[in-house]
PDB file of N, CA and C in Angstrom:
ATOM      1  N   UNK A   1     -14.089 -28.724 111.877  1.00  0.00           N
ATOM      2  CA  UNK A   1     -15.604 -28.553 111.607  1.00  0.00           C
ATOM      3  C   UNK A   1     -16.009 -26.899 111.926  1.00  0.00           C
ATOM      4  N   UNK A   2     -16.987 -26.390 110.986  1.00  0.00           N
ATOM      5  CA  UNK A   2     -17.403 -25.164 111.188  1.00  0.00           C
ATOM      6  C   UNK A   2     -18.805 -24.926 111.489  1.00  0.00           C
ATOM      7  N   UNK A   3     -19.224 -23.933 112.099  1.00  0.00           N
ATOM      8  CA  UNK A   3     -20.416 -23.782 112.452  1.00  0.00           C
ATOM      9  C   UNK A   3     -21.026 -22.336 111.971  1.00  0.00           C
ATOM     10  N   UNK A   4     -22.026 -21.952 111.460  1.00  0.00           N
ATOM     11  CA  UNK A   4     -22.409 -20.702 110.769  1.00  0.00           C
ATOM     12  C   UNK A   4     -23.640 -20.045 111.662  1.00  0.00           C
ATOM     13  N   UNK A   5     -23.259 -18.698 111.962  1.00  0.00           N
ATOM     14  CA  UNK A   5     -24.193 -17.743 112.930  1.00  0.00           C
ATOM     15  C   UNK A   5     -25.122 -17.388 111.853  1.00  0.00           C
ATOM     16  N   UNK A   6     -26.225 -17.717 111.689  1.00  0.00           N
ATOM     17  CA  UNK A   6     -27.122 -17.349 110.750  1.00  0.00           C
ATOM     18  C   UNK A   6     -27.659 -15.679 110.794  1.00  0.00           C
ATOM     19  N   UNK A   7     -27.899 -15.032 111.924  1.00  0.00           N
ATOM     20  CA  UNK A   7     -28.002 -13.713 111.890  1.00  0.00           C
ATOM     21  C   UNK A   7     -26.997 -12.823 111.174  1.00  0.00           C
ATOM     22  N   UNK A   8     -25.679 -13.239 111.289  1.00  0.00           N
ATOM     23  CA  UNK A   8     -24.602 -12.307 110.786  1.00  0.00           C
ATOM     24  C   UNK A   8     -23.952 -12.912 109.698  1.00  0.00           C
ATOM     25  N   UNK A   9     -24.328 -14.205 109.237  1.00  0.00           N
ATOM     26  CA  UNK A   9     -23.724 -15.310 108.302  1.00  0.00           C
ATOM     27  C   UNK A   9     -22.210 -15.331 108.520  1.00  0.00           C
ATOM     28  N   UNK A  10     -21.611 -15.284 109.645  1.00  0.00           N
ATOM     29  CA  UNK A  10     -20.307 -15.507 109.886  1.00  0.00           C
ATOM     30  C   UNK A  10     -20.109 -16.742 110.268  1.00  0.00           C
ATOM     31  N   UNK A  11     -18.887 -17.501 109.905  1.00  0.00           N
ATOM     32  CA  UNK A  11     -18.570 -18.621 110.053  1.00  0.00           C
ATOM     33  C   UNK A  11     -17.450 -18.972 110.919  1.00  0.00           C
ATOM     34  N   UNK A  12     -17.691 -19.813 111.997  1.00  0.00           N
ATOM     35  CA  UNK A  12     -16.882 -19.790 113.208  1.00  0.00           C
ATOM     36  C   UNK A  12     -16.227 -21.368 113.257  1.00  0.00           C
ATOM     37  N   UNK A  13     -15.079 -21.572 113.860  1.00  0.00           N
ATOM     38  CA  UNK A  13     -14.629 -22.770 114.227  1.00  0.00           C
ATOM     39  C   UNK A  13     -15.477 -23.407 115.251  1.00  0.00           C
ATOM     40  N   UNK A  14     -15.935 -24.634 115.272  1.00  0.00           N
ATOM     41  CA  UNK A  14     -16.462 -25.359 116.390  1.00  0.00           C
ATOM     42  C   UNK A  14     -17.749 -26.021 115.578  1.00  0.00           C
ATOM     43  N   UNK A  15     -18.505 -26.495 116.644  1.00  0.00           N
ATOM     44  CA  UNK A  15     -19.851 -27.243 116.070  1.00  0.00           C
ATOM     45  C   UNK A  15     -20.970 -26.984 116.952  1.00  0.00           C
ATOM     46  N   UNK A  16     -22.193 -27.018 116.445  1.00  0.00           N
ATOM     47  CA  UNK A  16     -23.540 -26.821 116.982  1.00  0.00           C
ATOM     48  C   UNK A  16     -23.496 -27.595 118.169  1.00  0.00           C
ATOM     49  N   UNK A  17     -24.192 -27.049 119.282  1.00  0.00           N
ATOM     50  CA  UNK A  17     -24.434 -27.653 120.429  1.00  0.00           C
ATOM     51  C   UNK A  17     -23.271 -27.510 121.540  1.00  0.00           C
ATOM     52  N   UNK A  18     -22.165 -27.125 121.432  1.00  0.00           N
ATOM     53  CA  UNK A  18     -21.117 -26.615 121.879  1.00  0.00           C
ATOM     54  C   UNK A  18     -20.609 -25.248 121.819  1.00  0.00           C
ATOM     55  N   UNK A  19     -19.168 -24.888 121.778  1.00  0.00           N
ATOM     56  CA  UNK A  19     -18.520 -23.571 121.877  1.00  0.00           C
ATOM     57  C   UNK A  19     -17.935 -23.394 120.296  1.00  0.00           C
ATOM     58  N   UNK A  20     -17.763 -22.163 120.113  1.00  0.00           N
ATOM     59  CA  UNK A  20     -17.090 -21.827 118.906  1.00  0.00           C
ATOM     60  C   UNK A  20     -15.643 -21.645 119.444  1.00  0.00           C
ATOM     61  N   UNK A  21     -14.364 -21.773 118.309  1.00  0.00           N
ATOM     62  CA  UNK A  21     -13.115 -21.416 118.888  1.00  0.00           C
ATOM     63  C   UNK A  21     -13.017 -20.114 119.715  1.00  0.00           C
ATOM     64  N   UNK A  22     -13.801 -19.263 119.383  1.00  0.00           N
ATOM     65  CA  UNK A  22     -13.590 -17.896 120.010  1.00  0.00           C
ATOM     66  C   UNK A  22     -14.459 -17.658 121.069  1.00  0.00           C
ATOM     67  N   UNK A  23     -15.333 -18.740 121.682  1.00  0.00           N
ATOM     68  CA  UNK A  23     -15.832 -18.764 122.715  1.00  0.00           C
ATOM     69  C   UNK A  23     -17.439 -18.661 122.899  1.00  0.00           C
ATOM     70  N   UNK A  24     -18.027 -18.421 121.686  1.00  0.00           N
ATOM     71  CA  UNK A  24     -19.618 -18.233 121.679  1.00  0.00           C
ATOM     72  C   UNK A  24     -20.194 -19.551 122.139  1.00  0.00           C
ATOM     73  N   UNK A  25     -21.136 -19.803 122.912  1.00  0.00           N
ATOM     74  CA  UNK A  25     -21.961 -20.939 123.369  1.00  0.00           C
ATOM     75  C   UNK A  25     -22.997 -21.142 122.253  1.00  0.00           C
ATOM     76  N   UNK A  26     -23.013 -22.103 121.405  1.00  0.00           N
ATOM     77  CA  UNK A  26     -24.110 -22.088 120.570  1.00  0.00           C
ATOM     78  C   UNK A  26     -25.111 -22.830 121.102  1.00  0.00           C
ATOM     79  N   UNK A  27     -25.337 -23.197 122.389  1.00  0.00           N
ATOM     80  CA  UNK A  27     -26.316 -23.898 122.831  1.00  0.00           C
ATOM     81  C   UNK A  27     -27.269 -22.792 123.478  1.00  0.00           C
ATOM     82  N   UNK A  28     -27.019 -21.135 123.662  1.00  0.00           N
ATOM     83  CA  UNK A  28     -27.817 -20.376 124.128  1.00  0.00           C
ATOM     84  C   UNK A  28     -28.933 -19.807 123.180  1.00  0.00           C
ATOM     85  N   UNK A  29     -28.581 -20.002 121.865  1.00  0.00           N
ATOM     86  CA  UNK A  29     -29.845 -19.647 120.781  1.00  0.00           C
ATOM     87  C   UNK A  29     -29.503 -20.760 119.663  1.00  0.00           C
ATOM     88  N   UNK A  30     -29.810 -21.926 120.067  1.00  0.00           N
ATOM     89  CA  UNK A  30     -29.435 -22.957 118.984  1.00  0.00           C
ATOM     90  C   UNK A  30     -30.159 -22.928 117.573  1.00  0.00           C
ATOM     91  N   UNK A  31     -31.270 -22.019 117.404  1.00  0.00           N
ATOM     92  CA  UNK A  31     -31.790 -21.722 116.308  1.00  0.00           C
ATOM     93  C   UNK A  31     -30.949 -20.730 115.330  1.00  0.00           C
ATOM     94  N   UNK A  32     -29.987 -20.024 116.009  1.00  0.00           N
ATOM     95  CA  UNK A  32     -29.032 -19.041 115.466  1.00  0.00           C
ATOM     96  C   UNK A  32     -27.912 -19.818 114.671  1.00  0.00           C
ATOM     97  N   UNK A  33     -27.546 -21.153 114.921  1.00  0.00           N
ATOM     98  CA  UNK A  33     -26.360 -21.814 114.422  1.00  0.00           C
ATOM     99  C   UNK A  33     -26.482 -23.039 113.721  1.00  0.00           C
ATOM    100  N   UNK A  34     -26.020 -23.035 112.487  1.00  0.00           N
ATOM    101  CA  UNK A  34     -26.003 -24.238 111.987  1.00  0.00           C
ATOM    102  C   UNK A  34     -24.590 -24.810 111.429  1.00  0.00           C
ATOM    103  N   UNK A  35     -24.432 -26.086 111.386  1.00  0.00           N
ATOM    104  CA  UNK A  35     -23.274 -26.819 111.100  1.00  0.00           C
ATOM    105  C   UNK A  35     -22.974 -26.333 109.515  1.00  0.00           C
ATOM    106  N   UNK A  36     -21.607 -26.020 109.197  1.00  0.00           N
ATOM    107  CA  UNK A  36     -21.237 -25.596 107.924  1.00  0.00           C
ATOM    108  C   UNK A  36     -20.094 -26.374 107.624  1.00  0.00           C
ATOM    109  N   UNK A  37     -19.718 -26.462 106.122  1.00  0.00           N
ATOM    110  CA  UNK A  37     -18.540 -26.923 105.556  1.00  0.00           C
ATOM    111  C   UNK A  37     -17.926 -25.766 104.973  1.00  0.00           C
ATOM    112  N   UNK A  38     -18.312 -24.417 105.135  1.00  0.00           N
ATOM    113  CA  UNK A  38     -17.525 -23.308 104.457  1.00  0.00           C
ATOM    114  C   UNK A  38     -16.497 -23.098 105.162  1.00  0.00           C
ATOM    115  N   UNK A  39     -15.676 -21.797 104.484  1.00  0.00           N
ATOM    116  CA  UNK A  39     -14.340 -21.429 105.030  1.00  0.00           C
ATOM    117  C   UNK A  39     -14.607 -20.392 106.268  1.00  0.00           C
ATOM    118  N   UNK A  40     -13.918 -20.742 107.178  1.00  0.00           N
ATOM    119  CA  UNK A  40     -14.212 -19.800 108.478  1.00  0.00           C
ATOM    120  C   UNK A  40     -13.918 -18.327 108.272  1.00  0.00           C
ATOM    121  N   UNK A  41     -14.824 -17.427 108.598  1.00  0.00           N
ATOM    122  CA  UNK A  41     -14.630 -16.036 108.442  1.00  0.00           C
ATOM    123  C   UNK A  41     -14.562 -15.436 109.711  1.00  0.00           C
ATOM    124  N   UNK A  42     -14.578 -15.807 110.846  1.00  0.00           N
ATOM    125  CA  UNK A  42     -14.347 -15.154 111.982  1.00  0.00           C
ATOM    126  C   UNK A  42     -12.894 -14.869 112.204  1.00  0.00           C
ATOM    127  N   UNK A  43     -12.578 -13.654 112.401  1.00  0.00           N
ATOM    128  CA  UNK A  43     -10.906 -13.220 112.668  1.00  0.00           C
ATOM    129  C   UNK A  43     -10.372 -13.201 114.018  1.00  0.00           C
ATOM    130  N   UNK A  44     -11.416 -13.399 115.153  1.00  0.00           N
ATOM    131  CA  UNK A  44     -11.091 -13.762 116.304  1.00  0.00           C
ATOM    132  C   UNK A  44     -10.037 -15.026 116.736  1.00  0.00           C
ATOM    133  N   UNK A  45      -9.320 -14.735 117.829  1.00  0.00           N
ATOM    134  CA  UNK A  45      -8.510 -15.804 118.290  1.00  0.00           C
ATOM    135  C   UNK A  45      -9.239 -17.039 118.712  1.00  0.00           C
ATOM    136  N   UNK A  46      -8.681 -18.093 118.239  1.00  0.00           N
ATOM    137  CA  UNK A  46      -9.627 -19.455 118.608  1.00  0.00           C
ATOM    138  C   UNK A  46     -10.338 -19.921 117.194  1.00  0.00           C
ATOM    139  N   UNK A  47     -10.771 -18.958 116.726  1.00  0.00           N
ATOM    140  CA  UNK A  47     -11.336 -19.531 115.287  1.00  0.00           C
ATOM    141  C   UNK A  47     -10.407 -19.186 113.936  1.00  0.00           C
ATOM    142  N   UNK A  48      -9.888 -18.121 114.067  1.00  0.00           N
ATOM    143  CA  UNK A  48      -8.896 -18.018 112.942  1.00  0.00           C
ATOM    144  C   UNK A  48      -7.425 -18.676 113.019  1.00  0.00           C
ATOM    145  N   UNK A  49      -7.071 -18.695 114.005  1.00  0.00           N
ATOM    146  CA  UNK A  49      -5.730 -19.263 114.439  1.00  0.00           C
ATOM    147  C   UNK A  49      -5.925 -20.982 114.743  1.00  0.00           C
TER     148      UNK A  49
END
């Protein structure tokens, strides 16, 4: 599953309401995150690997 950070348009591994693969908490600003089926674009450990 992937989740998109709308202010930056970056796609992370993870789901809305949890944490991304690289450690962002999507519950802090839930309006900034949407579930997505797009290709992951985050290059940080946990998302890319």
